[in-house]
Amino acid sequence: MFDLAHSEELHNMINIVYELGGIVSAVCHGPAPLVYTKTKDGRGLLEGLEVTGYPNDKEPKEVVDLLPFSLEDELSKIAEYSKAEDQDQYAVWANDRILTGRDPQSSELFGRELAKALTRREQEREEKYFD
């Protein structure tokens, strides 16, 4: 959130992965750079999509004034922010190439979701290659 959120180099790398059909994924405060990543046509990468990230109500009070911005607030401005408070772990696919996870407790679910998608992609490549 402090140095990578506004990094043009990182935004360019994210766009390359996305434009080549790769999966862009981030958990906890990791979606911060995705907030400011624009596609080559100038649209926000997350614009109008359902996403999650670290919620305001979980930020320690001592830390709030040190943060450059509220991740929940910034995500909510451009996307459909969801935190699924009733779930212990929460990860959401914005589309078939963007996965976000809510918090560190969601890391296991997030990892499983990402692994399933990567395995499925590999199986599809193998089927296409061997057909």
C-alpha atoms as a PDB file:
ATOM      1  CA  MET A   1       0.000   0.000   0.000  1.00  0.00           C
ATOM      2  CA  PHE A   2       2.904   2.339   0.623  1.00  0.00           C
ATOM      3  CA  ASP A   3       5.144   1.840  -2.381  1.00  0.00           C
ATOM      4  CA  LEU A   4       3.629  -0.674  -4.803  1.00  0.00           C
ATOM      5  CA  ALA A   5       0.078   0.654  -5.060  1.00  0.00           C
ATOM      6  CA  HIS A   6       1.121   3.468  -7.400  1.00  0.00           C
ATOM      7  CA  SER A   7       4.035   1.715  -9.133  1.00  0.00           C
ATOM      8  CA  GLU A   8       3.691   2.110 -12.906  1.00  0.00           C
ATOM      9  CA  GLU A   9       6.175  -0.722 -13.408  1.00  0.00           C
ATOM     10  CA  LEU A  10       4.000  -3.068 -11.361  1.00  0.00           C
ATOM     11  CA  HIS A  11       0.836  -1.884 -13.142  1.00  0.00           C
ATOM     12  CA  ASN A  12       2.538  -2.644 -16.465  1.00  0.00           C
ATOM     13  CA  MET A  13       3.511  -6.142 -15.293  1.00  0.00           C
ATOM     14  CA  ILE A  14      -0.032  -6.805 -14.055  1.00  0.00           C
ATOM     15  CA  ASN A  15      -1.380  -5.716 -17.430  1.00  0.00           C
ATOM     16  CA  ILE A  16       1.027  -7.966 -19.308  1.00  0.00           C
ATOM     17  CA  VAL A  17      -0.035 -10.989 -17.245  1.00  0.00           C
ATOM     18  CA  TYR A  18      -3.696 -10.106 -17.661  1.00  0.00           C
ATOM     19  CA  GLU A  19      -3.529  -9.335 -21.387  1.00  0.00           C
ATOM     20  CA  LEU A  20      -1.700 -12.608 -22.049  1.00  0.00           C
ATOM     21  CA  GLY A  21      -4.531 -14.501 -20.337  1.00  0.00           C
ATOM     22  CA  GLY A  22      -2.773 -15.103 -17.033  1.00  0.00           C
ATOM     23  CA  ILE A  23      -4.345 -15.011 -13.585  1.00  0.00           C
ATOM     24  CA  VAL A  24      -3.860 -11.890 -11.466  1.00  0.00           C
ATOM     25  CA  SER A  25      -4.356 -12.638  -7.782  1.00  0.00           C
ATOM     26  CA  ALA A  26      -3.877 -10.843  -4.479  1.00  0.00           C
ATOM     27  CA  VAL A  27      -4.917 -11.370  -0.875  1.00  0.00           C
ATOM     28  CA  CYS A  28      -5.277  -9.090   2.178  1.00  0.00           C
ATOM     29  CA  HIS A  29      -3.702  -5.680   1.369  1.00  0.00           C
ATOM     30  CA  GLY A  30      -2.248  -7.135  -1.841  1.00  0.00           C
ATOM     31  CA  PRO A  31      -5.095  -5.842  -4.059  1.00  0.00           C
ATOM     32  CA  ALA A  32      -3.906  -2.254  -3.419  1.00  0.00           C
ATOM     33  CA  PRO A  33      -1.978  -2.006  -6.723  1.00  0.00           C
ATOM     34  CA  LEU A  34      -4.963  -3.460  -8.587  1.00  0.00           C
ATOM     35  CA  VAL A  35      -7.023  -0.440  -7.495  1.00  0.00           C
ATOM     36  CA  TYR A  36      -4.844   1.843  -9.617  1.00  0.00           C
ATOM     37  CA  THR A  37      -4.044  -0.502 -12.504  1.00  0.00           C
ATOM     38  CA  LYS A  38      -5.566   0.670 -15.771  1.00  0.00           C
ATOM     39  CA  THR A  39      -5.975  -1.483 -18.862  1.00  0.00           C
ATOM     40  CA  LYS A  40      -4.427  -0.318 -22.123  1.00  0.00           C
ATOM     41  CA  ASP A  41      -7.768   1.262 -23.049  1.00  0.00           C
ATOM     42  CA  GLY A  42      -7.652   3.349 -19.847  1.00  0.00           C
ATOM     43  CA  ARG A  43     -10.322   1.435 -17.941  1.00  0.00           C
ATOM     44  CA  GLY A  44      -9.689   0.330 -14.363  1.00  0.00           C
ATOM     45  CA  LEU A  45      -8.709  -3.335 -14.224  1.00  0.00           C
ATOM     46  CA  LEU A  46     -11.201  -3.959 -11.405  1.00  0.00           C
ATOM     47  CA  GLU A  47     -13.874  -1.590 -12.673  1.00  0.00           C
ATOM     48  CA  GLY A  48     -17.339  -2.982 -11.953  1.00  0.00           C
ATOM     49  CA  LEU A  49     -16.061  -6.376 -10.774  1.00  0.00           C
ATOM     50  CA  GLU A  50     -16.700  -8.121  -7.456  1.00  0.00           C
ATOM     51  CA  VAL A  51     -13.534  -8.070  -5.345  1.00  0.00           C
ATOM     52  CA  THR A  52     -12.379  -8.262  -1.756  1.00  0.00           C
ATOM     53  CA  GLY A  53      -9.431  -7.147   0.334  1.00  0.00           C
ATOM     54  CA  TYR A  54      -8.619  -6.190   3.900  1.00  0.00           C
ATOM     55  CA  PRO A  55     -11.719  -4.555   5.450  1.00  0.00           C
ATOM     56  CA  ASN A  56     -11.737  -1.315   7.423  1.00  0.00           C
ATOM     57  CA  ASP A  57     -13.207  -2.890  10.543  1.00  0.00           C
ATOM     58  CA  LYS A  58     -10.220  -5.261  10.881  1.00  0.00           C
ATOM     59  CA  GLU A  59      -7.550  -2.544  10.656  1.00  0.00           C
ATOM     60  CA  PRO A  60      -5.949  -1.971  14.090  1.00  0.00           C
ATOM     61  CA  LYS A  61      -6.779   1.529  15.340  1.00  0.00           C
ATOM     62  CA  GLU A  62      -3.073   2.283  15.852  1.00  0.00           C
ATOM     63  CA  VAL A  63      -2.400   1.623  12.169  1.00  0.00           C
ATOM     64  CA  VAL A  64      -5.302   3.443  10.491  1.00  0.00           C
ATOM     65  CA  ASP A  65      -3.667   6.906  10.556  1.00  0.00           C
ATOM     66  CA  LEU A  66      -0.423   5.485   9.151  1.00  0.00           C
ATOM     67  CA  LEU A  67      -2.020   3.965   6.064  1.00  0.00           C
ATOM     68  CA  PRO A  68      -1.899   6.006   2.849  1.00  0.00           C
ATOM     69  CA  PHE A  69      -5.541   5.047   2.110  1.00  0.00           C
ATOM     70  CA  SER A  70      -8.304   2.675   3.097  1.00  0.00           C
ATOM     71  CA  LEU A  71      -8.203  -0.370   0.843  1.00  0.00           C
ATOM     72  CA  GLU A  72     -11.897  -1.084   1.389  1.00  0.00           C
ATOM     73  CA  ASP A  73     -12.856   2.516   0.525  1.00  0.00           C
ATOM     74  CA  GLU A  74     -10.716   2.621  -2.627  1.00  0.00           C
ATOM     75  CA  LEU A  75     -11.943  -0.767  -3.848  1.00  0.00           C
ATOM     76  CA  SER A  76     -15.534   0.320  -3.193  1.00  0.00           C
ATOM     77  CA  LYS A  77     -15.085   3.370  -5.440  1.00  0.00           C
ATOM     78  CA  ILE A  78     -14.301   1.300  -8.531  1.00  0.00           C
ATOM     79  CA  ALA A  79     -15.608  -2.197  -7.900  1.00  0.00           C
ATOM     80  CA  GLU A  80     -18.219  -4.154  -6.034  1.00  0.00           C
ATOM     81  CA  TYR A  81     -16.426  -4.633  -2.707  1.00  0.00           C
ATOM     82  CA  SER A  82     -17.498  -7.682  -0.736  1.00  0.00           C
ATOM     83  CA  LYS A  83     -16.165  -8.899   2.597  1.00  0.00           C
ATOM     84  CA  ALA A  84     -18.560 -11.758   3.503  1.00  0.00           C
ATOM     85  CA  GLU A  85     -18.316 -11.150   7.226  1.00  0.00           C
ATOM     86  CA  ASP A  86     -20.286 -14.323   7.919  1.00  0.00           C
ATOM     87  CA  GLN A  87     -17.496 -16.500   6.461  1.00  0.00           C
ATOM     88  CA  ASP A  88     -14.244 -17.403   8.235  1.00  0.00           C
ATOM     89  CA  GLN A  89     -12.377 -17.416   4.920  1.00  0.00           C
ATOM     90  CA  TYR A  90     -13.316 -15.477   1.839  1.00  0.00           C
ATOM     91  CA  ALA A  91     -11.929 -15.342  -1.683  1.00  0.00           C
ATOM     92  CA  VAL A  92     -13.776 -14.137  -4.755  1.00  0.00           C
ATOM     93  CA  TRP A  93     -13.229 -14.521  -8.479  1.00  0.00           C
ATOM     94  CA  ALA A  94     -13.896 -11.146 -10.131  1.00  0.00           C
ATOM     95  CA  ASN A  95     -13.784 -12.937 -13.476  1.00  0.00           C
ATOM     96  CA  ASP A  96     -11.914 -16.000 -14.745  1.00  0.00           C
ATOM     97  CA  ARG A  97      -8.549 -14.193 -14.441  1.00  0.00           C
ATOM     98  CA  ILE A  98      -8.749 -12.094 -11.261  1.00  0.00           C
ATOM     99  CA  LEU A  99      -8.860 -13.639  -7.783  1.00  0.00           C
ATOM    100  CA  THR A 100      -8.835 -11.639  -4.539  1.00  0.00           C
ATOM    101  CA  GLY A 101      -8.785 -12.799  -0.921  1.00  0.00           C
ATOM    102  CA  ARG A 102     -10.062 -10.855   2.079  1.00  0.00           C
ATOM    103  CA  ASP A 103      -7.445 -11.350   4.815  1.00  0.00           C
ATOM    104  CA  PRO A 104      -4.627 -13.621   6.069  1.00  0.00           C
ATOM    105  CA  GLN A 105      -7.205 -16.070   7.441  1.00  0.00           C
ATOM    106  CA  SER A 106      -8.461 -16.481   3.868  1.00  0.00           C
ATOM    107  CA  SER A 107      -5.061 -17.512   2.522  1.00  0.00           C
ATOM    108  CA  GLU A 108      -5.765 -21.247   2.604  1.00  0.00           C
ATOM    109  CA  LEU A 109      -9.025 -20.911   0.656  1.00  0.00           C
ATOM    110  CA  PHE A 110      -7.379 -18.397  -1.675  1.00  0.00           C
ATOM    111  CA  GLY A 111      -4.514 -20.818  -2.345  1.00  0.00           C
ATOM    112  CA  ARG A 112      -6.875 -23.709  -3.028  1.00  0.00           C
ATOM    113  CA  GLU A 113      -8.904 -21.600  -5.461  1.00  0.00           C
ATOM    114  CA  LEU A 114      -5.783 -20.489  -7.298  1.00  0.00           C
ATOM    115  CA  ALA A 115      -4.377 -24.036  -7.411  1.00  0.00           C
ATOM    116  CA  LYS A 116      -7.663 -25.400  -8.809  1.00  0.00           C
ATOM    117  CA  ALA A 117      -7.717 -22.764 -11.538  1.00  0.00           C
ATOM    118  CA  LEU A 118      -4.086 -23.362 -12.502  1.00  0.00           C
ATOM    119  CA  THR A 119      -4.604 -27.137 -12.538  1.00  0.00           C
ATOM    120  CA  ARG A 120      -7.715 -26.748 -14.701  1.00  0.00           C
ATOM    121  CA  ARG A 121      -5.805 -24.513 -17.133  1.00  0.00           C
ATOM    122  CA  GLU A 122      -2.971 -27.018 -17.370  1.00  0.00           C
ATOM    123  CA  GLN A 123      -5.411 -29.855 -18.029  1.00  0.00           C
ATOM    124  CA  GLU A 124      -7.102 -27.800 -20.761  1.00  0.00           C
ATOM    125  CA  ARG A 125      -3.717 -27.095 -22.380  1.00  0.00           C
ATOM    126  CA  GLU A 126      -2.793 -30.775 -22.301  1.00  0.00           C
ATOM    127  CA  GLU A 127      -6.139 -31.795 -23.807  1.00  0.00           C
ATOM    128  CA  LYS A 128      -5.756 -29.208 -26.554  1.00  0.00           C
ATOM    129  CA  TYR A 129      -2.176 -30.279 -27.251  1.00  0.00           C
ATOM    130  CA  PHE A 130      -2.906 -34.012 -27.362  1.00  0.00           C
ATOM    131  CA  ASP A 131      -6.173 -33.796 -29.315  1.00  0.00           C
END
